[in-house]
PDB file of N, CA and C in Angstrom:
ATOM      1  N   UNK A   1     -19.289   1.676  25.035  1.00  0.00           N
ATOM      2  CA  UNK A   1     -18.428   1.126  24.288  1.00  0.00           C
ATOM      3  C   UNK A   1     -16.729  -0.324  25.233  1.00  0.00           C
ATOM      4  N   UNK A   2     -17.102  -0.982  24.276  1.00  0.00           N
ATOM      5  CA  UNK A   2     -16.312  -2.505  24.297  1.00  0.00           C
ATOM      6  C   UNK A   2     -14.936  -1.583  24.190  1.00  0.00           C
ATOM      7  N   UNK A   3     -13.565  -2.383  24.360  1.00  0.00           N
ATOM      8  CA  UNK A   3     -11.797  -1.360  24.687  1.00  0.00           C
ATOM      9  C   UNK A   3     -11.890  -2.195  24.038  1.00  0.00           C
ATOM     10  N   UNK A   4     -10.797  -2.045  22.428  1.00  0.00           N
ATOM     11  CA  UNK A   4     -10.802  -2.530  21.192  1.00  0.00           C
ATOM     12  C   UNK A   4      -9.233  -3.077  21.434  1.00  0.00           C
ATOM     13  N   UNK A   5      -8.534  -3.578  21.782  1.00  0.00           N
ATOM     14  CA  UNK A   5      -7.442  -3.450  21.424  1.00  0.00           C
ATOM     15  C   UNK A   5      -6.527  -4.145  20.327  1.00  0.00           C
ATOM     16  N   UNK A   6      -5.678  -3.377  20.370  1.00  0.00           N
ATOM     17  CA  UNK A   6      -4.389  -2.750  19.687  1.00  0.00           C
ATOM     18  C   UNK A   6      -4.206  -3.770  18.655  1.00  0.00           C
ATOM     19  N   UNK A   7      -4.488  -5.617  18.073  1.00  0.00           N
ATOM     20  CA  UNK A   7      -4.528  -6.321  18.465  1.00  0.00           C
ATOM     21  C   UNK A   7      -5.761  -6.683  16.701  1.00  0.00           C
ATOM     22  N   UNK A   8      -6.885  -6.120  18.287  1.00  0.00           N
ATOM     23  CA  UNK A   8      -8.170  -6.395  17.431  1.00  0.00           C
ATOM     24  C   UNK A   8      -8.105  -5.436  16.021  1.00  0.00           C
ATOM     25  N   UNK A   9      -7.742  -3.902  16.428  1.00  0.00           N
ATOM     26  CA  UNK A   9      -7.729  -3.040  15.656  1.00  0.00           C
ATOM     27  C   UNK A   9      -6.963  -3.506  14.568  1.00  0.00           C
ATOM     28  N   UNK A  10      -5.841  -4.817  14.262  1.00  0.00           N
ATOM     29  CA  UNK A  10      -5.062  -4.642  13.324  1.00  0.00           C
ATOM     30  C   UNK A  10      -5.672  -5.893  12.424  1.00  0.00           C
ATOM     31  N   UNK A  11      -6.330  -6.078  13.527  1.00  0.00           N
ATOM     32  CA  UNK A  11      -6.962  -7.286  12.701  1.00  0.00           C
ATOM     33  C   UNK A  11      -7.736  -6.931  12.331  1.00  0.00           C
ATOM     34  N   UNK A  12      -8.630  -6.164  11.861  1.00  0.00           N
ATOM     35  CA  UNK A  12      -9.748  -5.198  11.842  1.00  0.00           C
ATOM     36  C   UNK A  12      -9.755  -4.741  10.733  1.00  0.00           C
ATOM     37  N   UNK A  13      -8.539  -4.289  10.678  1.00  0.00           N
ATOM     38  CA  UNK A  13      -8.251  -3.476   9.074  1.00  0.00           C
ATOM     39  C   UNK A  13      -7.696  -4.191   7.844  1.00  0.00           C
ATOM     40  N   UNK A  14      -7.147  -5.470   8.436  1.00  0.00           N
ATOM     41  CA  UNK A  14      -6.483  -6.578   7.878  1.00  0.00           C
ATOM     42  C   UNK A  14      -7.669  -6.227   6.900  1.00  0.00           C
ATOM     43  N   UNK A  15      -9.338  -7.695   7.930  1.00  0.00           N
ATOM     44  CA  UNK A  15      -9.978  -8.017   6.505  1.00  0.00           C
ATOM     45  C   UNK A  15     -10.729  -6.941   5.651  1.00  0.00           C
ATOM     46  N   UNK A  16     -10.222  -5.545   6.908  1.00  0.00           N
ATOM     47  CA  UNK A  16     -10.955  -4.148   5.708  1.00  0.00           C
ATOM     48  C   UNK A  16     -10.427  -3.863   4.486  1.00  0.00           C
ATOM     49  N   UNK A  17      -9.137  -4.146   4.453  1.00  0.00           N
ATOM     50  CA  UNK A  17      -8.831  -3.963   3.126  1.00  0.00           C
ATOM     51  C   UNK A  17      -8.558  -5.044   2.619  1.00  0.00           C
ATOM     52  N   UNK A  18      -9.091  -6.842   3.551  1.00  0.00           N
ATOM     53  CA  UNK A  18      -9.399  -7.607   1.931  1.00  0.00           C
ATOM     54  C   UNK A  18     -10.611  -7.630   1.671  1.00  0.00           C
ATOM     55  N   UNK A  19     -11.915  -7.513   2.618  1.00  0.00           N
ATOM     56  CA  UNK A  19     -13.066  -7.164   2.132  1.00  0.00           C
ATOM     57  C   UNK A  19     -13.531  -5.760   1.361  1.00  0.00           C
ATOM     58  N   UNK A  20     -12.689  -5.001   1.055  1.00  0.00           N
ATOM     59  CA  UNK A  20     -12.049  -3.813   0.089  1.00  0.00           C
ATOM     60  C   UNK A  20     -12.147  -3.845  -1.124  1.00  0.00           C
ATOM     61  N   UNK A  21     -11.436  -5.532  -1.328  1.00  0.00           N
ATOM     62  CA  UNK A  21     -10.643  -5.353  -2.775  1.00  0.00           C
ATOM     63  C   UNK A  21     -11.596  -7.231  -3.775  1.00  0.00           C
ATOM     64  N   UNK A  22     -12.803  -7.246  -2.845  1.00  0.00           N
ATOM     65  CA  UNK A  22     -13.447  -7.774  -3.377  1.00  0.00           C
ATOM     66  C   UNK A  22     -14.625  -7.472  -4.177  1.00  0.00           C
ATOM     67  N   UNK A  23     -15.286  -8.369  -5.305  1.00  0.00           N
ATOM     68  CA  UNK A  23     -16.119  -7.442  -6.204  1.00  0.00           C
ATOM     69  C   UNK A  23     -17.486  -6.926  -5.838  1.00  0.00           C
ATOM     70  N   UNK A  24     -18.491  -6.456  -5.939  1.00  0.00           N
ATOM     71  CA  UNK A  24     -19.756  -5.914  -5.448  1.00  0.00           C
ATOM     72  C   UNK A  24     -20.395  -7.036  -4.989  1.00  0.00           C
ATOM     73  N   UNK A  25     -20.303  -8.344  -5.823  1.00  0.00           N
ATOM     74  CA  UNK A  25     -21.775  -9.004  -5.169  1.00  0.00           C
ATOM     75  C   UNK A  25     -21.234  -9.724  -4.311  1.00  0.00           C
ATOM     76  N   UNK A  26     -19.420  -9.653  -3.845  1.00  0.00           N
ATOM     77  CA  UNK A  26     -19.458 -10.482  -2.838  1.00  0.00           C
ATOM     78  C   UNK A  26     -19.721  -9.800  -1.954  1.00  0.00           C
ATOM     79  N   UNK A  27     -19.223  -8.360  -1.787  1.00  0.00           N
ATOM     80  CA  UNK A  27     -19.669  -6.650  -1.135  1.00  0.00           C
ATOM     81  C   UNK A  27     -20.118  -7.689   0.478  1.00  0.00           C
ATOM     82  N   UNK A  28     -21.732  -7.262  -1.212  1.00  0.00           N
ATOM     83  CA  UNK A  28     -22.849  -7.287  -0.200  1.00  0.00           C
ATOM     84  C   UNK A  28     -23.605  -8.467   0.152  1.00  0.00           C
ATOM     85  N   UNK A  29     -22.586  -9.165  -0.354  1.00  0.00           N
ATOM     86  CA  UNK A  29     -22.713 -11.124   0.475  1.00  0.00           C
ATOM     87  C   UNK A  29     -22.643 -10.595   0.983  1.00  0.00           C
ATOM     88  N   UNK A  30     -21.365 -10.527   1.988  1.00  0.00           N
ATOM     89  CA  UNK A  30     -21.011  -9.662   3.644  1.00  0.00           C
ATOM     90  C   UNK A  30     -21.275  -9.951   3.986  1.00  0.00           C
ATOM     91  N   UNK A  31     -21.433  -8.214   3.666  1.00  0.00           N
ATOM     92  CA  UNK A  31     -22.442  -7.149   4.147  1.00  0.00           C
ATOM     93  C   UNK A  31     -23.396  -8.425   5.187  1.00  0.00           C
ATOM     94  N   UNK A  32     -24.750  -8.919   4.347  1.00  0.00           N
ATOM     95  CA  UNK A  32     -25.490  -9.661   4.780  1.00  0.00           C
ATOM     96  C   UNK A  32     -25.092 -10.843   5.909  1.00  0.00           C
ATOM     97  N   UNK A  33     -24.470 -11.731   4.912  1.00  0.00           N
ATOM     98  CA  UNK A  33     -23.849 -12.204   5.733  1.00  0.00           C
ATOM     99  C   UNK A  33     -23.825 -12.102   7.596  1.00  0.00           C
ATOM    100  N   UNK A  34     -23.055 -10.214   7.357  1.00  0.00           N
ATOM    101  CA  UNK A  34     -22.601 -10.030   8.854  1.00  0.00           C
ATOM    102  C   UNK A  34     -23.712  -9.518   9.390  1.00  0.00           C
ATOM    103  N   UNK A  35     -24.293  -9.451   8.805  1.00  0.00           N
ATOM    104  CA  UNK A  35     -25.842  -8.973   9.532  1.00  0.00           C
ATOM    105  C   UNK A  35     -26.338  -9.335  10.289  1.00  0.00           C
ATOM    106  N   UNK A  36     -26.727 -10.701   9.580  1.00  0.00           N
ATOM    107  CA  UNK A  36     -26.584 -11.917   9.656  1.00  0.00           C
ATOM    108  C   UNK A  36     -26.474 -12.233  11.760  1.00  0.00           C
ATOM    109  N   UNK A  37     -24.879 -12.626  11.581  1.00  0.00           N
ATOM    110  CA  UNK A  37     -24.454 -12.930  12.517  1.00  0.00           C
ATOM    111  C   UNK A  37     -24.526 -11.359  13.069  1.00  0.00           C
ATOM    112  N   UNK A  38     -24.923 -11.228  13.239  1.00  0.00           N
ATOM    113  CA  UNK A  38     -25.141  -9.775  14.455  1.00  0.00           C
ATOM    114  C   UNK A  38     -26.530 -10.280  14.709  1.00  0.00           C
ATOM    115  N   UNK A  39     -27.496 -10.580  14.294  1.00  0.00           N
ATOM    116  CA  UNK A  39     -28.921 -10.913  14.728  1.00  0.00           C
ATOM    117  C   UNK A  39     -28.525 -11.748  15.791  1.00  0.00           C
ATOM    118  N   UNK A  40     -28.427 -12.766  14.887  1.00  0.00           N
ATOM    119  CA  UNK A  40     -28.189 -14.301  14.910  1.00  0.00           C
ATOM    120  C   UNK A  40     -27.436 -13.507  17.446  1.00  0.00           C
ATOM    121  N   UNK A  41     -26.657 -13.153  17.219  1.00  0.00           N
ATOM    122  CA  UNK A  41     -26.276 -12.715  17.842  1.00  0.00           C
ATOM    123  C   UNK A  41     -26.834 -12.653  19.491  1.00  0.00           C
ATOM    124  N   UNK A  42     -27.279 -10.845  18.423  1.00  0.00           N
ATOM    125  CA  UNK A  42     -28.226 -10.310  19.540  1.00  0.00           C
ATOM    126  C   UNK A  42     -29.356 -11.147  20.234  1.00  0.00           C
ATOM    127  N   UNK A  43     -30.090 -11.811  19.271  1.00  0.00           N
ATOM    128  CA  UNK A  43     -31.609 -12.728  19.208  1.00  0.00           C
ATOM    129  C   UNK A  43     -31.061 -13.983  20.407  1.00  0.00           C
ATOM    130  N   UNK A  44     -29.577 -14.442  19.977  1.00  0.00           N
ATOM    131  CA  UNK A  44     -29.181 -15.726  21.628  1.00  0.00           C
ATOM    132  C   UNK A  44     -29.663 -14.338  23.459  1.00  0.00           C
ATOM    133  N   UNK A  45     -28.922 -13.667  23.662  1.00  0.00           N
ATOM    134  CA  UNK A  45     -28.487 -13.025  24.044  1.00  0.00           C
ATOM    135  C   UNK A  45     -29.380 -12.435  24.610  1.00  0.00           C
ATOM    136  N   UNK A  46     -30.536 -12.535  24.268  1.00  0.00           N
ATOM    137  CA  UNK A  46     -31.912 -11.791  24.410  1.00  0.00           C
ATOM    138  C   UNK A  46     -33.002 -12.548  24.651  1.00  0.00           C
ATOM    139  N   UNK A  47     -32.164 -13.821  24.344  1.00  0.00           N
ATOM    140  CA  UNK A  47     -33.307 -15.240  24.948  1.00  0.00           C
ATOM    141  C   UNK A  47     -32.989 -15.886  26.371  1.00  0.00           C
ATOM    142  N   UNK A  48     -31.345 -15.283  26.150  1.00  0.00           N
ATOM    143  CA  UNK A  48     -31.039 -15.939  28.328  1.00  0.00           C
ATOM    144  C   UNK A  48     -31.652 -14.691  28.708  1.00  0.00           C
ATOM    145  N   UNK A  49     -31.834 -13.380  28.431  1.00  0.00           N
ATOM    146  CA  UNK A  49     -32.245 -12.696  29.102  1.00  0.00           C
ATOM    147  C   UNK A  49     -33.971 -12.868  30.148  1.00  0.00           C
ATOM    148  N   UNK A  50     -34.399 -13.589  28.157  1.00  0.00           N
ATOM    149  CA  UNK A  50     -35.059 -13.524  28.520  1.00  0.00           C
ATOM    150  C   UNK A  50     -35.778 -14.866  29.607  1.00  0.00           C
ATOM    151  N   UNK A  51     -35.134 -15.909  29.766  1.00  0.00           N
ATOM    152  CA  UNK A  51     -35.300 -17.444  29.863  1.00  0.00           C
ATOM    153  C   UNK A  51     -35.903 -16.466  31.742  1.00  0.00           C
ATOM    154  N   UNK A  52     -35.174 -15.168  32.035  1.00  0.00           N
ATOM    155  CA  UNK A  52     -34.644 -15.812  33.197  1.00  0.00           C
ATOM    156  C   UNK A  52     -35.812 -14.924  33.931  1.00  0.00           C
ATOM    157  N   UNK A  53     -37.538 -14.727  32.902  1.00  0.00           N
ATOM    158  CA  UNK A  53     -38.628 -13.802  33.256  1.00  0.00           C
ATOM    159  C   UNK A  53     -39.660 -14.496  33.249  1.00  0.00           C
ATOM    160  N   UNK A  54     -40.366 -13.604  34.114  1.00  0.00           N
ATOM    161  CA  UNK A  54     -41.833 -14.292  34.472  1.00  0.00           C
ATOM    162  C   UNK A  54     -42.879 -13.643  33.467  1.00  0.00           C
ATOM    163  N   UNK A  55     -42.168 -13.541  32.483  1.00  0.00           N
ATOM    164  CA  UNK A  55     -43.590 -13.531  31.407  1.00  0.00           C
ATOM    165  C   UNK A  55     -43.698 -14.724  30.341  1.00  0.00           C
ATOM    166  N   UNK A  56     -44.950 -14.364  29.851  1.00  0.00           N
ATOM    167  CA  UNK A  56     -45.406 -16.002  28.977  1.00  0.00           C
ATOM    168  C   UNK A  56     -45.215 -15.794  27.794  1.00  0.00           C
ATOM    169  N   UNK A  57     -45.377 -17.086  27.784  1.00  0.00           N
ATOM    170  CA  UNK A  57     -44.307 -16.668  25.600  1.00  0.00           C
ATOM    171  C   UNK A  57     -45.646 -15.014  24.951  1.00  0.00           C
ATOM    172  N   UNK A  58     -47.511 -15.595  25.185  1.00  0.00           N
ATOM    173  CA  UNK A  58     -47.735 -14.985  25.205  1.00  0.00           C
ATOM    174  C   UNK A  58     -47.589 -13.012  24.649  1.00  0.00           C
ATOM    175  N   UNK A  59     -46.968 -12.597  26.176  1.00  0.00           N
ATOM    176  CA  UNK A  59     -46.908 -11.535  26.093  1.00  0.00           C
ATOM    177  C   UNK A  59     -45.283 -11.052  25.835  1.00  0.00           C
ATOM    178  N   UNK A  60     -44.261 -11.736  25.481  1.00  0.00           N
ATOM    179  CA  UNK A  60     -42.963 -11.744  24.843  1.00  0.00           C
ATOM    180  C   UNK A  60     -43.881 -11.827  22.664  1.00  0.00           C
ATOM    181  N   UNK A  61     -44.402 -12.826  23.075  1.00  0.00           N
ATOM    182  CA  UNK A  61     -44.507 -12.294  21.349  1.00  0.00           C
ATOM    183  C   UNK A  61     -45.403 -11.483  21.216  1.00  0.00           C
ATOM    184  N   UNK A  62     -45.564 -11.086  21.545  1.00  0.00           N
ATOM    185  CA  UNK A  62     -47.288  -9.995  22.008  1.00  0.00           C
ATOM    186  C   UNK A  62     -46.004  -8.168  21.755  1.00  0.00           C
ATOM    187  N   UNK A  63     -45.404  -8.676  23.185  1.00  0.00           N
ATOM    188  CA  UNK A  63     -44.337  -7.005  21.890  1.00  0.00           C
ATOM    189  C   UNK A  63     -43.127  -6.769  21.103  1.00  0.00           C
ATOM    190  N   UNK A  64     -42.548  -7.870  21.542  1.00  0.00           N
ATOM    191  CA  UNK A  64     -42.306  -8.027  19.619  1.00  0.00           C
ATOM    192  C   UNK A  64     -42.568  -8.322  17.774  1.00  0.00           C
ATOM    193  N   UNK A  65     -44.300  -9.075  18.031  1.00  0.00           N
ATOM    194  CA  UNK A  65     -44.696  -7.779  17.515  1.00  0.00           C
ATOM    195  C   UNK A  65     -44.990  -6.266  17.553  1.00  0.00           C
ATOM    196  N   UNK A  66     -45.057  -5.502  19.115  1.00  0.00           N
ATOM    197  CA  UNK A  66     -45.380  -3.768  18.972  1.00  0.00           C
ATOM    198  C   UNK A  66     -44.046  -3.082  18.579  1.00  0.00           C
ATOM    199  N   UNK A  67     -43.040  -4.198  19.263  1.00  0.00           N
ATOM    200  CA  UNK A  67     -41.562  -3.170  18.367  1.00  0.00           C
ATOM    201  C   UNK A  67     -42.241  -3.764  16.979  1.00  0.00           C
ATOM    202  N   UNK A  68     -41.620  -4.633  16.334  1.00  0.00           N
ATOM    203  CA  UNK A  68     -41.481  -4.756  14.611  1.00  0.00           C
ATOM    204  C   UNK A  68     -42.457  -3.328  13.609  1.00  0.00           C
ATOM    205  N   UNK A  69     -44.182  -3.350  14.806  1.00  0.00           N
ATOM    206  CA  UNK A  69     -45.052  -2.589  13.863  1.00  0.00           C
ATOM    207  C   UNK A  69     -44.723  -0.778  14.270  1.00  0.00           C
ATOM    208  N   UNK A  70     -44.029  -0.631  14.895  1.00  0.00           N
ATOM    209  CA  UNK A  70     -43.149   0.621  15.413  1.00  0.00           C
ATOM    210  C   UNK A  70     -42.310   0.903  14.796  1.00  0.00           C
ATOM    211  N   UNK A  71     -41.461   0.272  15.054  1.00  0.00           N
ATOM    212  CA  UNK A  71     -40.149  -0.132  13.946  1.00  0.00           C
ATOM    213  C   UNK A  71     -41.014   0.209  12.626  1.00  0.00           C
ATOM    214  N   UNK A  72     -41.313  -0.601  12.003  1.00  0.00           N
ATOM    215  CA  UNK A  72     -41.906  -0.161  10.862  1.00  0.00           C
ATOM    216  C   UNK A  72     -42.878   0.802  10.410  1.00  0.00           C
ATOM    217  N   UNK A  73     -43.186   1.230  11.696  1.00  0.00           N
ATOM    218  CA  UNK A  73     -44.224   2.651  10.880  1.00  0.00           C
ATOM    219  C   UNK A  73     -42.617   3.905  11.408  1.00  0.00           C
ATOM    220  N   UNK A  74     -41.699   3.784  11.879  1.00  0.00           N
ATOM    221  CA  UNK A  74     -40.462   4.480  12.127  1.00  0.00           C
ATOM    222  C   UNK A  74     -39.709   5.227  11.048  1.00  0.00           C
ATOM    223  N   UNK A  75     -40.343   3.574  10.080  1.00  0.00           N
ATOM    224  CA  UNK A  75     -38.856   3.990   8.333  1.00  0.00           C
ATOM    225  C   UNK A  75     -40.459   4.426   7.991  1.00  0.00           C
ATOM    226  N   UNK A  76     -41.985   3.928   8.167  1.00  0.00           N
ATOM    227  CA  UNK A  76     -42.130   4.806   6.997  1.00  0.00           C
ATOM    228  C   UNK A  76     -43.054   6.471   7.045  1.00  0.00           C
ATOM    229  N   UNK A  77     -42.286   6.830   8.601  1.00  0.00           N
ATOM    230  CA  UNK A  77     -42.102   8.284   8.424  1.00  0.00           C
ATOM    231  C   UNK A  77     -44.177   8.458   9.276  1.00  0.00           C
ATOM    232  N   UNK A  78     -44.402   7.097   9.828  1.00  0.00           N
ATOM    233  CA  UNK A  78     -45.577   7.346  11.010  1.00  0.00           C
ATOM    234  C   UNK A  78     -45.731   7.602  11.985  1.00  0.00           C
ATOM    235  N   UNK A  79     -46.078   8.982  12.253  1.00  0.00           N
ATOM    236  CA  UNK A  79     -46.124   9.136  13.506  1.00  0.00           C
ATOM    237  C   UNK A  79     -47.631   8.578  14.899  1.00  0.00           C
ATOM    238  N   UNK A  80     -48.035   8.437  13.724  1.00  0.00           N
ATOM    239  CA  UNK A  80     -49.433   7.206  14.918  1.00  0.00           C
ATOM    240  C   UNK A  80     -49.108   5.835  15.694  1.00  0.00           C
ATOM    241  N   UNK A  81     -48.485   5.545  16.968  1.00  0.00           N
ATOM    242  CA  UNK A  81     -49.141   4.907  16.840  1.00  0.00           C
ATOM    243  C   UNK A  81     -49.832   4.237  18.255  1.00  0.00           C
ATOM    244  N   UNK A  82     -50.460   4.616  17.442  1.00  0.00           N
ATOM    245  CA  UNK A  82     -51.751   4.771  19.205  1.00  0.00           C
ATOM    246  C   UNK A  82     -52.507   3.443  18.768  1.00  0.00           C
ATOM    247  N   UNK A  83     -52.184   2.857  18.024  1.00  0.00           N
ATOM    248  CA  UNK A  83     -53.908   1.580  17.771  1.00  0.00           C
ATOM    249  C   UNK A  83     -52.842   0.563  18.647  1.00  0.00           C
ATOM    250  N   UNK A  84     -51.095   0.784  18.589  1.00  0.00           N
ATOM    251  CA  UNK A  84     -51.107  -0.741  19.144  1.00  0.00           C
ATOM    252  C   UNK A  84     -50.184   0.495  20.564  1.00  0.00           C
ATOM    253  N   UNK A  85     -49.535  -0.868  21.417  1.00  0.00           N
ATOM    254  CA  UNK A  85     -49.232  -0.600  22.349  1.00  0.00           C
ATOM    255  C   UNK A  85     -48.500  -1.931  23.423  1.00  0.00           C
ATOM    256  N   UNK A  86     -47.750  -1.320  24.141  1.00  0.00           N
ATOM    257  CA  UNK A  86     -46.392  -2.330  24.901  1.00  0.00           C
ATOM    258  C   UNK A  86     -47.489  -2.811  25.857  1.00  0.00           C
ATOM    259  N   UNK A  87     -46.495  -4.550  26.187  1.00  0.00           N
ATOM    260  CA  UNK A  87     -46.845  -4.748  26.670  1.00  0.00           C
ATOM    261  C   UNK A  87     -46.041  -4.770  28.208  1.00  0.00           C
ATOM    262  N   UNK A  88     -47.075  -3.946  29.796  1.00  0.00           N
ATOM    263  CA  UNK A  88     -46.752  -2.752  30.809  1.00  0.00           C
ATOM    264  C   UNK A  88     -46.175  -4.090  32.102  1.00  0.00           C
TER     265      UNK A  88
END
């Protein structure tokens, strides 16, 4: 976990207090926008890490599809992943 400064914490609390005052529709929009930003940030980090590997695009796509399918099956409560294999 990263260290959070007192100033950062105070700014977070201030933003949170403002967000709480928003109408429900705006809160939902803010939540979607924040999640989109998190996904974008993670994707950029992952892209930087993958650039330095010797994996082919097909191997990367296969691994991404495996992870997506596994996450989908976990959400559904499926336990059998035998038809799906990770790229080793």
